[in-house]
Protein backbone atom coordinates (compact mmCIF):
# COMPACT_ATOMS: atom_id res chain seq x y z
CA MET A 1 173.66 106.31 42.66
CA ASP A 2 173.78 109.82 44.00
CA THR A 3 172.97 112.85 41.91
CA TYR A 4 175.35 115.78 41.72
CA ARG A 5 174.69 119.24 40.30
CA LEU A 6 177.53 121.07 38.58
CA ASN A 7 176.45 124.70 38.78
CA ASP A 8 179.07 126.00 36.34
CA LEU A 9 177.68 123.68 33.63
CA GLN A 10 174.06 123.88 34.78
CA ALA A 11 174.04 120.09 34.51
CA THR A 12 173.65 117.04 36.71
CA VAL A 13 175.66 113.84 37.02
CA GLY A 14 173.94 110.62 38.01
CA MET A 15 171.70 107.86 36.78
CA PHE A 16 169.12 110.22 35.26
CA GLY A 17 171.41 113.26 34.93
CA ASP A 18 172.84 115.08 31.95
CA PHE A 19 176.00 112.98 32.41
CA SER A 20 176.13 109.41 33.69
CA ASN A 21 179.60 109.77 35.23
CA PHE A 22 182.36 112.31 35.86
CA LYS A 23 184.61 110.93 33.11
CA ASP A 24 181.94 112.07 30.65
CA VAL A 25 181.98 115.55 32.23
CA ILE A 26 185.74 115.81 31.73
CA ASP A 27 185.40 114.61 28.14
CA TYR A 28 182.69 117.23 27.55
CA ILE A 29 184.88 120.04 28.93
CA PHE A 30 187.68 119.07 26.54
CA GLU A 31 185.30 118.68 23.60
CA THR A 32 183.67 122.09 24.07
CA ASN A 33 186.68 124.24 25.06
CA PRO A 34 190.12 124.98 23.64
CA PHE A 35 192.68 122.63 25.23
CA LYS A 36 194.41 125.25 27.42
CA LYS A 37 191.09 126.63 28.65
CA ALA A 38 189.91 123.12 29.55
CA LEU A 39 193.10 122.59 31.57
CA ASP A 40 192.56 125.96 33.26
CA ILE A 41 188.99 124.99 34.19
CA PHE A 42 190.42 122.04 36.11
CA GLY A 43 193.26 124.08 37.60
CA CYS A 44 195.90 122.10 35.72
CA ASP A 45 199.00 123.48 34.02
CA ASP A 46 199.44 120.55 31.64
CA VAL A 47 198.37 117.00 30.82
CA GLN A 48 200.68 115.64 33.53
CA ASP A 49 198.78 117.62 36.20
CA LEU A 50 195.45 116.35 34.88
CA SER A 51 196.71 112.79 34.73
CA GLU A 52 197.97 112.95 38.32
CA ALA A 53 194.64 114.40 39.47
CA LEU A 54 192.69 111.49 37.95
CA THR A 55 195.00 108.52 38.57
CA ASN A 56 194.96 106.42 41.73
CA SER A 57 197.95 104.77 43.43
CA LYS A 58 197.61 101.74 41.12
CA GLY A 59 198.03 103.93 38.03
CA GLU A 60 194.38 103.59 37.00
CA PHE A 61 191.71 106.18 36.25
CA ASP A 62 189.70 106.78 39.43
CA GLU A 63 186.07 107.97 39.14
CA ASP A 64 186.14 109.25 42.74
CA LEU A 65 189.12 111.47 41.93
CA ALA A 66 187.30 112.67 38.79
CA LYS A 67 184.26 113.44 40.96
CA ASN A 68 186.36 115.43 43.43
CA LEU A 69 188.02 117.38 40.62
CA CYS A 70 184.71 118.18 38.91
CA MET A 71 182.93 119.06 42.15
CA ASP A 72 185.75 121.42 43.19
CA CYS A 73 186.31 123.07 39.81
CA LEU A 74 182.72 123.23 38.49
CA ASP A 75 180.93 124.40 41.67
CA GLY A 76 179.46 121.00 42.41
CA VAL A 77 176.74 120.20 44.94
CA ASP A 78 175.60 116.79 46.15
CA GLU A 79 171.87 117.07 45.53
CA ASP A 80 171.10 114.29 47.99
CA ASP A 81 172.63 116.43 50.76
CA GLU A 82 169.96 119.03 50.04
CA ASP A 83 167.10 116.54 50.00
CA PRO A 84 165.91 115.64 53.51
CA GLU A 85 163.77 112.79 52.15
CA ALA A 86 166.78 111.22 50.42
CA GLU A 87 168.80 111.56 53.61
CA TRP A 88 166.01 109.97 55.63
CA GLY A 89 165.87 107.11 53.13
CA ASP A 90 169.64 106.66 53.39
CA GLU A 91 169.36 106.59 57.18
CA MET A 92 166.61 103.95 57.09
CA TYR A 93 168.69 101.85 54.70
CA CYS A 94 171.68 102.06 57.04
CA ARG A 95 169.53 101.05 60.02
CA GLN A 96 168.22 98.03 58.12
CA ALA A 97 171.77 97.09 57.15
CA GLY A 98 172.80 97.31 60.80
CA LYS A 99 175.14 100.27 60.31
């Protein structure tokens, strides 16, 4: 699993991060902020906006949509993009897999 840094929270998301997934990040924002401020952090006017931002075409919560929302709204950075060794390892894996 990739590791992502959320600069606004000074936290990481990933297997050994401060959060294991982006759903937990969203929960944390709502637990530690007044409701309206939490919505503002995610650029949402109301619960409907938040729900639409996190729900896929099948009507289910989508972790990738949660990741995109958190990365955009919390100044997120993919730490693997900044790590040449991780990129080299990804490239070697792809070569082995025939990609």
